[in-house]
Amino acid sequence: MSSAWAGGTDAIMERMDKMTALYIEEARKSIYTGESAVNCEECGEPIPEERRRAIACKYCLPCHKALESASRSHKV
């Protein structure tokens, strides 16, 4: 194994670390961190108190799952 390969591996690992950090940063930006809504912004139904206390949310669980599924199906 040549010394060039070892340097290449380090560069690859460094790039992977940077990409992972960027991915985590973008994922954190997409997480809603505000105050939980009392009623779902999609359907208007009340959001259970347990859900509101567990996470900051804007949607009831069925609407959240539907929106998440729709979002995934539109990504290429």
Protein backbone atom coordinates (compact mmCIF):
# COMPACT_ATOMS: atom_id res chain seq x y z
CA MET A 1 0.00 0.00 0.00
CA SER A 2 1.49 3.32 -1.01
CA SER A 3 1.70 6.40 1.20
CA ALA A 4 -0.50 8.27 -1.30
CA TRP A 5 -3.34 5.87 -0.54
CA ALA A 6 -3.04 6.54 3.20
CA GLY A 7 -3.27 10.30 2.58
CA GLY A 8 -6.26 9.68 0.33
CA THR A 9 -8.03 7.72 3.02
CA ASP A 10 -7.53 10.55 5.51
CA ALA A 11 -8.92 13.04 3.00
CA ILE A 12 -11.93 10.80 2.35
CA MET A 13 -12.61 10.41 6.09
CA GLU A 14 -12.29 14.17 6.60
CA ARG A 15 -14.76 14.79 3.77
CA MET A 16 -17.19 12.22 5.21
CA ASP A 17 -16.99 13.90 8.63
CA LYS A 18 -17.75 17.30 7.07
CA MET A 19 -20.68 15.90 5.09
CA THR A 20 -22.07 14.20 8.20
CA ALA A 21 -21.82 17.44 10.18
CA LEU A 22 -23.62 19.33 7.40
CA TYR A 23 -26.35 16.69 7.23
CA ILE A 24 -26.90 16.85 10.99
CA GLU A 25 -26.99 20.66 10.91
CA GLU A 26 -29.61 20.64 8.13
CA ALA A 27 -31.69 18.01 9.95
CA ARG A 28 -31.66 20.08 13.13
CA LYS A 29 -32.87 23.13 11.20
CA SER A 30 -35.90 21.19 10.01
CA ILE A 31 -36.99 20.19 13.52
CA TYR A 32 -39.72 22.43 14.89
CA THR A 33 -38.60 23.79 18.26
CA GLY A 34 -41.31 26.34 18.99
CA GLU A 35 -44.25 26.06 21.33
CA SER A 36 -46.65 23.21 20.67
CA ALA A 37 -49.98 24.04 19.09
CA VAL A 38 -53.14 23.07 20.97
CA ASN A 39 -54.95 22.21 17.73
CA CYS A 40 -53.47 20.64 14.61
CA GLU A 41 -52.60 23.23 11.96
CA GLU A 42 -53.62 20.78 9.23
CA CYS A 43 -56.97 19.34 10.36
CA GLY A 44 -57.85 21.52 13.37
CA GLU A 45 -58.34 18.57 15.74
CA PRO A 46 -56.97 18.86 19.30
CA ILE A 47 -53.42 17.57 19.79
CA PRO A 48 -53.23 15.25 22.82
CA GLU A 49 -51.50 16.82 25.81
CA GLU A 50 -49.05 13.91 26.04
CA ARG A 51 -47.84 14.62 22.50
CA ARG A 52 -47.60 18.36 23.15
CA ARG A 53 -45.51 17.76 26.27
CA ALA A 54 -43.29 15.15 24.62
CA ILE A 55 -42.28 17.26 21.61
CA ALA A 56 -42.88 20.72 20.24
CA CYS A 57 -45.42 20.06 17.49
CA LYS A 58 -47.81 21.76 15.09
CA TYR A 59 -49.68 18.68 13.86
CA CYS A 60 -51.56 15.74 15.34
CA LEU A 61 -49.85 12.39 14.81
CA PRO A 62 -51.99 11.23 11.83
CA CYS A 63 -51.44 14.54 9.98
CA HIS A 64 -47.74 14.55 10.86
CA LYS A 65 -47.34 11.04 9.41
CA ALA A 66 -49.30 11.96 6.27
CA LEU A 67 -47.27 15.13 5.69
CA GLU A 68 -44.00 13.30 6.31
CA SER A 69 -45.01 10.53 3.90
CA ALA A 70 -45.98 13.05 1.23
CA SER A 71 -42.68 14.88 1.71
CA ARG A 72 -40.71 11.65 1.26
CA SER A 73 -42.61 10.68 -1.89
CA HIS A 74 -41.75 14.03 -3.53
CA LYS A 75 -37.99 13.71 -2.94
CA VAL A 76 -35.95 12.30 -5.77
